Amino acid sequence: RVLPFKTALFGAAQASLKRSGTEAVLVQ
């Protein structure tokens, strides 16, 4: 089974948006 996902490090996608200047990050 899959255990509950921790959400804190999903903030890396937000950080990448700021650093790269791209419109979106792909989370797969």
mmCIF file of all heavy atoms, coordinates in Angstrom:
data_MODEL
# 
_entry.id   MODEL 
# 
loop_
_atom_site.group_PDB 
_atom_site.id 
_atom_site.type_symbol 
_atom_site.label_atom_id 
_atom_site.label_alt_id 
_atom_site.label_comp_id 
_atom_site.label_asym_id 
_atom_site.label_entity_id 
_atom_site.label_seq_id 
_atom_site.pdbx_PDB_ins_code 
_atom_site.Cartn_x 
_atom_site.Cartn_y 
_atom_site.Cartn_z 
_atom_site.occupancy 
_atom_site.B_iso_or_equiv 
_atom_site.pdbx_formal_charge 
_atom_site.auth_seq_id 
_atom_site.auth_comp_id 
_atom_site.auth_asym_id 
_atom_site.auth_atom_id 
_atom_site.pdbx_PDB_model_num 
ATOM 1   N N   . ARG A 1 1  ? 0.843  -1.188 0.000   1.00 0.00 ? 1  ARG A N   1 
ATOM 2   C CA  . ARG A 1 1  ? 0.000  0.000  0.000   1.00 0.00 ? 1  ARG A CA  1 
ATOM 3   C C   . ARG A 1 1  ? 0.880  1.240  0.000   1.00 0.00 ? 1  ARG A C   1 
ATOM 4   O O   . ARG A 1 1  ? 2.093  1.149  0.226   1.00 0.00 ? 1  ARG A O   1 
ATOM 5   C CB  . ARG A 1 1  ? -0.903 0.021  1.234   1.00 0.00 ? 1  ARG A CB  1 
ATOM 6   C CG  . ARG A 1 1  ? -0.137 0.071  2.545   1.00 0.00 ? 1  ARG A CG  1 
ATOM 7   C CD  . ARG A 1 1  ? -1.011 -0.209 3.746   1.00 0.00 ? 1  ARG A CD  1 
ATOM 8   N NE  . ARG A 1 1  ? -0.246 -0.209 4.989   1.00 0.00 ? 1  ARG A NE  1 
ATOM 9   C CZ  . ARG A 1 1  ? -0.184 0.808  5.830   1.00 0.00 ? 1  ARG A CZ  1 
ATOM 10  N NH1 . ARG A 1 1  ? -0.861 1.928  5.559   1.00 0.00 ? 1  ARG A NH1 1 
ATOM 11  N NH2 . ARG A 1 1  ? 0.524  0.745  6.941   1.00 0.00 ? 1  ARG A NH2 1 
ATOM 12  N N   . VAL A 1 2  ? 0.262  2.379  -0.236  1.00 0.00 ? 2  VAL A N   1 
ATOM 13  C CA  . VAL A 1 2  ? 0.964  3.662  -0.226  1.00 0.00 ? 2  VAL A CA  1 
ATOM 14  C C   . VAL A 1 2  ? 0.676  4.368  1.090   1.00 0.00 ? 2  VAL A C   1 
ATOM 15  O O   . VAL A 1 2  ? -0.484 4.498  1.495   1.00 0.00 ? 2  VAL A O   1 
ATOM 16  C CB  . VAL A 1 2  ? 0.519  4.543  -1.418  1.00 0.00 ? 2  VAL A CB  1 
ATOM 17  C CG1 . VAL A 1 2  ? 1.117  5.945  -1.316  1.00 0.00 ? 2  VAL A CG1 1 
ATOM 18  C CG2 . VAL A 1 2  ? 0.932  3.891  -2.735  1.00 0.00 ? 2  VAL A CG2 1 
ATOM 19  N N   . LEU A 1 3  ? 1.710  4.810  1.774   1.00 0.00 ? 3  LEU A N   1 
ATOM 20  C CA  . LEU A 1 3  ? 1.550  5.555  3.014   1.00 0.00 ? 3  LEU A CA  1 
ATOM 21  C C   . LEU A 1 3  ? 1.216  7.017  2.701   1.00 0.00 ? 3  LEU A C   1 
ATOM 22  O O   . LEU A 1 3  ? 1.462  7.490  1.587   1.00 0.00 ? 3  LEU A O   1 
ATOM 23  C CB  . LEU A 1 3  ? 2.844  5.478  3.834   1.00 0.00 ? 3  LEU A CB  1 
ATOM 24  C CG  . LEU A 1 3  ? 3.318  4.059  4.209   1.00 0.00 ? 3  LEU A CG  1 
ATOM 25  C CD1 . LEU A 1 3  ? 4.646  4.139  4.956   1.00 0.00 ? 3  LEU A CD1 1 
ATOM 26  C CD2 . LEU A 1 3  ? 2.272  3.338  5.042   1.00 0.00 ? 3  LEU A CD2 1 
ATOM 27  N N   . PRO A 1 4  ? 0.656  7.748  3.648   1.00 0.00 ? 4  PRO A N   1 
ATOM 28  C CA  . PRO A 1 4  ? 0.318  9.156  3.400   1.00 0.00 ? 4  PRO A CA  1 
ATOM 29  C C   . PRO A 1 4  ? 1.532  9.969  2.955   1.00 0.00 ? 4  PRO A C   1 
ATOM 30  O O   . PRO A 1 4  ? 2.629  9.810  3.507   1.00 0.00 ? 4  PRO A O   1 
ATOM 31  C CB  . PRO A 1 4  ? -0.199 9.634  4.768   1.00 0.00 ? 4  PRO A CB  1 
ATOM 32  C CG  . PRO A 1 4  ? -0.687 8.393  5.441   1.00 0.00 ? 4  PRO A CG  1 
ATOM 33  C CD  . PRO A 1 4  ? 0.235  7.301  4.994   1.00 0.00 ? 4  PRO A CD  1 
ATOM 34  N N   . PHE A 1 5  ? 1.343  10.824 1.971   1.00 0.00 ? 5  PHE A N   1 
ATOM 35  C CA  . PHE A 1 5  ? 2.431  11.645 1.448   1.00 0.00 ? 5  PHE A CA  1 
ATOM 36  C C   . PHE A 1 5  ? 2.678  12.848 2.359   1.00 0.00 ? 5  PHE A C   1 
ATOM 37  O O   . PHE A 1 5  ? 1.738  13.496 2.820   1.00 0.00 ? 5  PHE A O   1 
ATOM 38  C CB  . PHE A 1 5  ? 2.115  12.135 0.038   1.00 0.00 ? 5  PHE A CB  1 
ATOM 39  C CG  . PHE A 1 5  ? 2.386  11.121 -1.044  1.00 0.00 ? 5  PHE A CG  1 
ATOM 40  C CD1 . PHE A 1 5  ? 2.708  9.808  -0.745  1.00 0.00 ? 5  PHE A CD1 1 
ATOM 41  C CD2 . PHE A 1 5  ? 2.308  11.493 -2.377  1.00 0.00 ? 5  PHE A CD2 1 
ATOM 42  C CE1 . PHE A 1 5  ? 2.954  8.871  -1.738  1.00 0.00 ? 5  PHE A CE1 1 
ATOM 43  C CE2 . PHE A 1 5  ? 2.553  10.574 -3.391  1.00 0.00 ? 5  PHE A CE2 1 
ATOM 44  C CZ  . PHE A 1 5  ? 2.878  9.267  -3.073  1.00 0.00 ? 5  PHE A CZ  1 
ATOM 45  N N   . LYS A 1 6  ? 3.958  13.116 2.583   1.00 0.00 ? 6  LYS A N   1 
ATOM 46  C CA  . LYS A 1 6  ? 4.349  14.337 3.288   1.00 0.00 ? 6  LYS A CA  1 
ATOM 47  C C   . LYS A 1 6  ? 4.321  15.488 2.274   1.00 0.00 ? 6  LYS A C   1 
ATOM 48  O O   . LYS A 1 6  ? 4.766  15.337 1.139   1.00 0.00 ? 6  LYS A O   1 
ATOM 49  C CB  . LYS A 1 6  ? 5.752  14.201 3.869   1.00 0.00 ? 6  LYS A CB  1 
ATOM 50  C CG  . LYS A 1 6  ? 6.000  12.935 4.665   1.00 0.00 ? 6  LYS A CG  1 
ATOM 51  C CD  . LYS A 1 6  ? 5.189  12.895 5.941   1.00 0.00 ? 6  LYS A CD  1 
ATOM 52  C CE  . LYS A 1 6  ? 5.565  11.667 6.779   1.00 0.00 ? 6  LYS A CE  1 
ATOM 53  N NZ  . LYS A 1 6  ? 4.738  11.534 7.984   1.00 0.00 ? 6  LYS A NZ  1 
ATOM 54  N N   . THR A 1 7  ? 3.826  16.637 2.700   1.00 0.00 ? 7  THR A N   1 
ATOM 55  C CA  . THR A 1 7  ? 3.623  17.726 1.731   1.00 0.00 ? 7  THR A CA  1 
ATOM 56  C C   . THR A 1 7  ? 4.733  18.762 1.702   1.00 0.00 ? 7  THR A C   1 
ATOM 57  O O   . THR A 1 7  ? 4.844  19.525 0.743   1.00 0.00 ? 7  THR A O   1 
ATOM 58  C CB  . THR A 1 7  ? 2.299  18.454 2.039   1.00 0.00 ? 7  THR A CB  1 
ATOM 59  O OG1 . THR A 1 7  ? 2.398  19.096 3.318   1.00 0.00 ? 7  THR A OG1 1 
ATOM 60  C CG2 . THR A 1 7  ? 1.139  17.478 2.061   1.00 0.00 ? 7  THR A CG2 1 
ATOM 61  N N   . ALA A 1 8  ? 5.585  18.804 2.739   1.00 0.00 ? 8  ALA A N   1 
ATOM 62  C CA  . ALA A 1 8  ? 6.521  19.929 2.887   1.00 0.00 ? 8  ALA A CA  1 
ATOM 63  C C   . ALA A 1 8  ? 7.419  20.124 1.667   1.00 0.00 ? 8  ALA A C   1 
ATOM 64  O O   . ALA A 1 8  ? 7.560  21.249 1.169   1.00 0.00 ? 8  ALA A O   1 
ATOM 65  C CB  . ALA A 1 8  ? 7.365  19.737 4.140   1.00 0.00 ? 8  ALA A CB  1 
ATOM 66  N N   . LEU A 1 9  ? 8.025  19.039 1.159   1.00 0.00 ? 9  LEU A N   1 
ATOM 67  C CA  . LEU A 1 9  ? 9.005  19.195 0.094   1.00 0.00 ? 9  LEU A CA  1 
ATOM 68  C C   . LEU A 1 9  ? 8.380  19.403 -1.280  1.00 0.00 ? 9  LEU A C   1 
ATOM 69  O O   . LEU A 1 9  ? 9.100  19.604 -2.258  1.00 0.00 ? 9  LEU A O   1 
ATOM 70  C CB  . LEU A 1 9  ? 9.975  18.008 0.089   1.00 0.00 ? 9  LEU A CB  1 
ATOM 71  C CG  . LEU A 1 9  ? 10.919 17.959 1.290   1.00 0.00 ? 9  LEU A CG  1 
ATOM 72  C CD1 . LEU A 1 9  ? 11.861 16.774 1.202   1.00 0.00 ? 9  LEU A CD1 1 
ATOM 73  C CD2 . LEU A 1 9  ? 11.721 19.249 1.426   1.00 0.00 ? 9  LEU A CD2 1 
ATOM 74  N N   . PHE A 1 10 ? 7.052  19.367 -1.367  1.00 0.00 ? 10 PHE A N   1 
ATOM 75  C CA  . PHE A 1 10 ? 6.411  19.776 -2.612  1.00 0.00 ? 10 PHE A CA  1 
ATOM 76  C C   . PHE A 1 10 ? 6.640  21.270 -2.848  1.00 0.00 ? 10 PHE A C   1 
ATOM 77  O O   . PHE A 1 10 ? 6.458  21.772 -3.948  1.00 0.00 ? 10 PHE A O   1 
ATOM 78  C CB  . PHE A 1 10 ? 4.915  19.465 -2.586  1.00 0.00 ? 10 PHE A CB  1 
ATOM 79  C CG  . PHE A 1 10 ? 4.593  18.036 -2.898  1.00 0.00 ? 10 PHE A CG  1 
ATOM 80  C CD1 . PHE A 1 10 ? 4.691  17.055 -1.919  1.00 0.00 ? 10 PHE A CD1 1 
ATOM 81  C CD2 . PHE A 1 10 ? 4.202  17.661 -4.169  1.00 0.00 ? 10 PHE A CD2 1 
ATOM 82  C CE1 . PHE A 1 10 ? 4.400  15.733 -2.199  1.00 0.00 ? 10 PHE A CE1 1 
ATOM 83  C CE2 . PHE A 1 10 ? 3.905  16.338 -4.465  1.00 0.00 ? 10 PHE A CE2 1 
ATOM 84  C CZ  . PHE A 1 10 ? 4.010  15.365 -3.474  1.00 0.00 ? 10 PHE A CZ  1 
ATOM 85  N N   . GLY A 1 11 ? 7.062  21.959 -1.789  1.00 0.00 ? 11 GLY A N   1 
ATOM 86  C CA  . GLY A 1 11 ? 7.422  23.364 -1.928  1.00 0.00 ? 11 GLY A CA  1 
ATOM 87  C C   . GLY A 1 11 ? 8.603  23.560 -2.867  1.00 0.00 ? 11 GLY A C   1 
ATOM 88  O O   . GLY A 1 11 ? 8.850  24.684 -3.329  1.00 0.00 ? 11 GLY A O   1 
ATOM 89  N N   . ALA A 1 12 ? 9.331  22.492 -3.167  1.00 0.00 ? 12 ALA A N   1 
ATOM 90  C CA  . ALA A 1 12 ? 10.441 22.584 -4.122  1.00 0.00 ? 12 ALA A CA  1 
ATOM 91  C C   . ALA A 1 12 ? 9.940  23.015 -5.495  1.00 0.00 ? 12 ALA A C   1 
ATOM 92  O O   . ALA A 1 12 ? 10.643 23.712 -6.234  1.00 0.00 ? 12 ALA A O   1 
ATOM 93  C CB  . ALA A 1 12 ? 11.156 21.238 -4.234  1.00 0.00 ? 12 ALA A CB  1 
ATOM 94  N N   . ALA A 1 13 ? 8.730  22.594 -5.848  1.00 0.00 ? 13 ALA A N   1 
ATOM 95  C CA  . ALA A 1 13 ? 8.161  23.006 -7.136  1.00 0.00 ? 13 ALA A CA  1 
ATOM 96  C C   . ALA A 1 13 ? 7.945  24.511 -7.147  1.00 0.00 ? 13 ALA A C   1 
ATOM 97  O O   . ALA A 1 13 ? 8.212  25.196 -8.148  1.00 0.00 ? 13 ALA A O   1 
ATOM 98  C CB  . ALA A 1 13 ? 6.847  22.271 -7.385  1.00 0.00 ? 13 ALA A CB  1 
ATOM 99  N N   . GLN A 1 14 ? 7.470  25.053 -6.013  1.00 0.00 ? 14 GLN A N   1 
ATOM 100 C CA  . GLN A 1 14 ? 7.281  26.501 -5.918  1.00 0.00 ? 14 GLN A CA  1 
ATOM 101 C C   . GLN A 1 14 ? 8.617  27.227 -6.001  1.00 0.00 ? 14 GLN A C   1 
ATOM 102 O O   . GLN A 1 14 ? 8.756  28.253 -6.678  1.00 0.00 ? 14 GLN A O   1 
ATOM 103 C CB  . GLN A 1 14 ? 6.591  26.840 -4.595  1.00 0.00 ? 14 GLN A CB  1 
ATOM 104 C CG  . GLN A 1 14 ? 5.159  26.328 -4.505  1.00 0.00 ? 14 GLN A CG  1 
ATOM 105 C CD  . GLN A 1 14 ? 4.561  26.489 -3.121  1.00 0.00 ? 14 GLN A CD  1 
ATOM 106 O OE1 . GLN A 1 14 ? 5.225  26.252 -2.116  1.00 0.00 ? 14 GLN A OE1 1 
ATOM 107 N NE2 . GLN A 1 14 ? 3.297  26.896 -3.062  1.00 0.00 ? 14 GLN A NE2 1 
ATOM 108 N N   . ALA A 1 15 ? 9.635  26.669 -5.333  1.00 0.00 ? 15 ALA A N   1 
ATOM 109 C CA  . ALA A 1 15 ? 10.960 27.285 -5.355  1.00 0.00 ? 15 ALA A CA  1 
ATOM 110 C C   . ALA A 1 15 ? 11.539 27.280 -6.767  1.00 0.00 ? 15 ALA A C   1 
ATOM 111 O O   . ALA A 1 15 ? 12.193 28.239 -7.191  1.00 0.00 ? 15 ALA A O   1 
ATOM 112 C CB  . ALA A 1 15 ? 11.894 26.541 -4.408  1.00 0.00 ? 15 ALA A CB  1 
ATOM 113 N N   . SER A 1 16 ? 11.288 26.205 -7.504  1.00 0.00 ? 16 SER A N   1 
ATOM 114 C CA  . SER A 1 16 ? 11.801 26.121 -8.868  1.00 0.00 ? 16 SER A CA  1 
ATOM 115 C C   . SER A 1 16 ? 11.145 27.158 -9.777  1.00 0.00 ? 16 SER A C   1 
ATOM 116 O O   . SER A 1 16 ? 11.785 27.732 -10.657 1.00 0.00 ? 16 SER A O   1 
ATOM 117 C CB  . SER A 1 16 ? 11.573 24.713 -9.435  1.00 0.00 ? 16 SER A CB  1 
ATOM 118 O OG  . SER A 1 16 ? 12.077 24.619 -10.753 1.00 0.00 ? 16 SER A OG  1 
ATOM 119 N N   . LEU A 1 17 ? 9.868  27.399 -9.559  1.00 0.00 ? 17 LEU A N   1 
ATOM 120 C CA  . LEU A 1 17 ? 9.172  28.426 -10.346 1.00 0.00 ? 17 LEU A CA  1 
ATOM 121 C C   . LEU A 1 17 ? 9.854  29.780 -10.169 1.00 0.00 ? 17 LEU A C   1 
ATOM 122 O O   . LEU A 1 17 ? 10.073 30.525 -11.129 1.00 0.00 ? 17 LEU A O   1 
ATOM 123 C CB  . LEU A 1 17 ? 7.710  28.532 -9.911  1.00 0.00 ? 17 LEU A CB  1 
ATOM 124 C CG  . LEU A 1 17 ? 6.746  27.451 -10.383 1.00 0.00 ? 17 LEU A CG  1 
ATOM 125 C CD1 . LEU A 1 17 ? 5.369  27.683 -9.765  1.00 0.00 ? 17 LEU A CD1 1 
ATOM 126 C CD2 . LEU A 1 17 ? 6.644  27.422 -11.897 1.00 0.00 ? 17 LEU A CD2 1 
ATOM 127 N N   . LYS A 1 18 ? 10.193 30.103 -8.937  1.00 0.00 ? 18 LYS A N   1 
ATOM 128 C CA  . LYS A 1 18 ? 10.816 31.393 -8.656  1.00 0.00 ? 18 LYS A CA  1 
ATOM 129 C C   . LYS A 1 18 ? 12.208 31.483 -9.268  1.00 0.00 ? 18 LYS A C   1 
ATOM 130 O O   . LYS A 1 18 ? 12.602 32.513 -9.816  1.00 0.00 ? 18 LYS A O   1 
ATOM 131 C CB  . LYS A 1 18 ? 10.908 31.603 -7.138  1.00 0.00 ? 18 LYS A CB  1 
ATOM 132 C CG  . LYS A 1 18 ? 9.562  31.678 -6.442  1.00 0.00 ? 18 LYS A CG  1 
ATOM 133 C CD  . LYS A 1 18 ? 9.741  31.755 -4.931  1.00 0.00 ? 18 LYS A CD  1 
ATOM 134 C CE  . LYS A 1 18 ? 8.404  31.729 -4.209  1.00 0.00 ? 18 LYS A CE  1 
ATOM 135 N NZ  . LYS A 1 18 ? 8.571  31.719 -2.731  1.00 0.00 ? 18 LYS A NZ  1 
ATOM 136 N N   . ARG A 1 19 ? 12.955 30.385 -9.176  1.00 0.00 ? 19 ARG A N   1 
ATOM 137 C CA  . ARG A 1 19 ? 14.339 30.412 -9.633  1.00 0.00 ? 19 ARG A CA  1 
ATOM 138 C C   . ARG A 1 19 ? 14.470 30.366 -11.151 1.00 0.00 ? 19 ARG A C   1 
ATOM 139 O O   . ARG A 1 19 ? 15.330 31.011 -11.740 1.00 0.00 ? 19 ARG A O   1 
ATOM 140 C CB  . ARG A 1 19 ? 15.124 29.235 -9.033  1.00 0.00 ? 19 ARG A CB  1 
ATOM 141 C CG  . ARG A 1 19 ? 15.394 29.385 -7.551  1.00 0.00 ? 19 ARG A CG  1 
ATOM 142 C CD  . ARG A 1 19 ? 16.177 28.205 -7.019  1.00 0.00 ? 19 ARG A CD  1 
ATOM 143 N NE  . ARG A 1 19 ? 16.580 28.416 -5.645  1.00 0.00 ? 19 ARG A NE  1 
ATOM 144 C CZ  . ARG A 1 19 ? 17.663 29.063 -5.264  1.00 0.00 ? 19 ARG A CZ  1 
ATOM 145 N NH1 . ARG A 1 19 ? 18.465 29.577 -6.200  1.00 0.00 ? 19 ARG A NH1 1 
ATOM 146 N NH2 . ARG A 1 19 ? 17.966 29.216 -4.000  1.00 0.00 ? 19 ARG A NH2 1 
ATOM 147 N N   . SER A 1 20 ? 13.639 29.574 -11.803 1.00 0.00 ? 20 SER A N   1 
ATOM 148 C CA  . SER A 1 20 ? 13.791 29.340 -13.236 1.00 0.00 ? 20 SER A CA  1 
ATOM 149 C C   . SER A 1 20 ? 13.058 30.354 -14.092 1.00 0.00 ? 20 SER A C   1 
ATOM 150 O O   . SER A 1 20 ? 13.368 30.532 -15.271 1.00 0.00 ? 20 SER A O   1 
ATOM 151 C CB  . SER A 1 20 ? 13.293 27.936 -13.597 1.00 0.00 ? 20 SER A CB  1 
ATOM 152 O OG  . SER A 1 20 ? 11.898 27.830 -13.375 1.00 0.00 ? 20 SER A OG  1 
ATOM 153 N N   . GLY A 1 21 ? 12.062 31.012 -13.506 1.00 0.00 ? 21 GLY A N   1 
ATOM 154 C CA  . GLY A 1 21 ? 11.273 31.943 -14.301 1.00 0.00 ? 21 GLY A CA  1 
ATOM 155 C C   . GLY A 1 21 ? 10.322 31.259 -15.264 1.00 0.00 ? 21 GLY A C   1 
ATOM 156 O O   . GLY A 1 21 ? 9.710  31.911 -16.112 1.00 0.00 ? 21 GLY A O   1 
ATOM 157 N N   . THR A 1 22 ? 10.160 29.941 -15.130 1.00 0.00 ? 22 THR A N   1 
ATOM 158 C CA  . THR A 1 22 ? 9.233  29.212 -15.991 1.00 0.00 ? 22 THR A CA  1 
ATOM 159 C C   . THR A 1 22 ? 7.810  29.359 -15.458 1.00 0.00 ? 22 THR A C   1 
ATOM 160 O O   . THR A 1 22 ? 7.595  29.682 -14.293 1.00 0.00 ? 22 THR A O   1 
ATOM 161 C CB  . THR A 1 22 ? 9.591  27.719 -16.046 1.00 0.00 ? 22 THR A CB  1 
ATOM 162 O OG1 . THR A 1 22 ? 9.625  27.201 -14.714 1.00 0.00 ? 22 THR A OG1 1 
ATOM 163 C CG2 . THR A 1 22 ? 10.956 27.515 -16.698 1.00 0.00 ? 22 THR A CG2 1 
ATOM 164 N N   . GLU A 1 23 ? 6.848  29.109 -16.327 1.00 0.00 ? 23 GLU A N   1 
ATOM 165 C CA  . GLU A 1 23 ? 5.444  29.244 -15.945 1.00 0.00 ? 23 GLU A CA  1 
ATOM 166 C C   . GLU A 1 23 ? 4.962  28.085 -15.098 1.00 0.00 ? 23 GLU A C   1 
ATOM 167 O O   . GLU A 1 23 ? 4.045  28.241 -14.296 1.00 0.00 ? 23 GLU A O   1 
ATOM 168 C CB  . GLU A 1 23 ? 4.573  29.360 -17.200 1.00 0.00 ? 23 GLU A CB  1 
ATOM 169 C CG  . GLU A 1 23 ? 4.792  30.651 -17.980 1.00 0.00 ? 23 GLU A CG  1 
ATOM 170 C CD  . GLU A 1 23 ? 3.825  30.764 -19.148 1.00 0.00 ? 23 GLU A CD  1 
ATOM 171 O OE1 . GLU A 1 23 ? 3.014  29.823 -19.329 1.00 0.00 ? 23 GLU A OE1 1 
ATOM 172 O OE2 . GLU A 1 23 ? 3.880  31.769 -19.858 1.00 0.00 ? 23 GLU A OE2 1 
ATOM 173 N N   . ALA A 1 24 ? 5.571  26.905 -15.283 1.00 0.00 ? 24 ALA A N   1 
ATOM 174 C CA  . ALA A 1 24 ? 5.079  25.729 -14.566 1.00 0.00 ? 24 ALA A CA  1 
ATOM 175 C C   . ALA A 1 24 ? 6.178  24.689 -14.404 1.00 0.00 ? 24 ALA A C   1 
ATOM 176 O O   . ALA A 1 24 ? 7.130  24.627 -15.186 1.00 0.00 ? 24 ALA A O   1 
ATOM 177 C CB  . ALA A 1 24 ? 3.891  25.108 -15.295 1.00 0.00 ? 24 ALA A CB  1 
ATOM 178 N N   . VAL A 1 25 ? 6.033  23.899 -13.365 1.00 0.00 ? 25 VAL A N   1 
ATOM 179 C CA  . VAL A 1 25 ? 6.871  22.735 -13.121 1.00 0.00 ? 25 VAL A CA  1 
ATOM 180 C C   . VAL A 1 25 ? 5.999  21.501 -13.341 1.00 0.00 ? 25 VAL A C   1 
ATOM 181 O O   . VAL A 1 25 ? 4.814  21.501 -12.990 1.00 0.00 ? 25 VAL A O   1 
ATOM 182 C CB  . VAL A 1 25 ? 7.424  22.735 -11.676 1.00 0.00 ? 25 VAL A CB  1 
ATOM 183 C CG1 . VAL A 1 25 ? 8.186  21.447 -11.388 1.00 0.00 ? 25 VAL A CG1 1 
ATOM 184 C CG2 . VAL A 1 25 ? 8.310  23.942 -11.447 1.00 0.00 ? 25 VAL A CG2 1 
ATOM 185 N N   . LEU A 1 26 ? 6.560  20.463 -13.926 1.00 0.00 ? 26 LEU A N   1 
ATOM 186 C CA  . LEU A 1 26 ? 5.832  19.209 -14.093 1.00 0.00 ? 26 LEU A CA  1 
ATOM 187 C C   . LEU A 1 26 ? 6.076  18.327 -12.876 1.00 0.00 ? 26 LEU A C   1 
ATOM 188 O O   . LEU A 1 26 ? 7.224  18.067 -12.510 1.00 0.00 ? 26 LEU A O   1 
ATOM 189 C CB  . LEU A 1 26 ? 6.282  18.489 -15.363 1.00 0.00 ? 26 LEU A CB  1 
ATOM 190 C CG  . LEU A 1 26 ? 6.015  19.220 -16.684 1.00 0.00 ? 26 LEU A CG  1 
ATOM 191 C CD1 . LEU A 1 26 ? 6.545  18.401 -17.853 1.00 0.00 ? 26 LEU A CD1 1 
ATOM 192 C CD2 . LEU A 1 26 ? 4.532  19.506 -16.852 1.00 0.00 ? 26 LEU A CD2 1 
ATOM 193 N N   . VAL A 1 27 ? 4.989  17.899 -12.240 1.00 0.00 ? 27 VAL A N   1 
ATOM 194 C CA  . VAL A 1 27 ? 5.065  16.976 -11.111 1.00 0.00 ? 27 VAL A CA  1 
ATOM 195 C C   . VAL A 1 27 ? 4.415  15.680 -11.577 1.00 0.00 ? 27 VAL A C   1 
ATOM 196 O O   . VAL A 1 27 ? 3.216  15.639 -11.874 1.00 0.00 ? 27 VAL A O   1 
ATOM 197 C CB  . VAL A 1 27 ? 4.331  17.543 -9.879  1.00 0.00 ? 27 VAL A CB  1 
ATOM 198 C CG1 . VAL A 1 27 ? 4.396  16.543 -8.723  1.00 0.00 ? 27 VAL A CG1 1 
ATOM 199 C CG2 . VAL A 1 27 ? 4.940  18.884 -9.466  1.00 0.00 ? 27 VAL A CG2 1 
ATOM 200 N N   . GLN A 1 28 ? 5.221  14.609 -11.661 1.00 0.00 ? 28 GLN A N   1 
ATOM 201 C CA  . GLN A 1 28 ? 4.714  13.362 -12.257 1.00 0.00 ? 28 GLN A CA  1 
ATOM 202 C C   . GLN A 1 28 ? 4.648  12.237 -11.224 1.00 0.00 ? 28 GLN A C   1 
ATOM 203 O O   . GLN A 1 28 ? 5.669  11.838 -10.664 1.00 0.00 ? 28 GLN A O   1 
ATOM 204 C CB  . GLN A 1 28 ? 5.591  12.926 -13.431 1.00 0.00 ? 28 GLN A CB  1 
ATOM 205 C CG  . GLN A 1 28 ? 5.034  11.717 -14.179 1.00 0.00 ? 28 GLN A CG  1 
ATOM 206 C CD  . GLN A 1 28 ? 5.750  11.454 -15.491 1.00 0.00 ? 28 GLN A CD  1 
ATOM 207 O OE1 . GLN A 1 28 ? 6.899  11.836 -15.670 1.00 0.00 ? 28 GLN A OE1 1 
ATOM 208 N NE2 . GLN A 1 28 ? 5.066  10.814 -16.418 1.00 0.00 ? 28 GLN A NE2 1 
# 
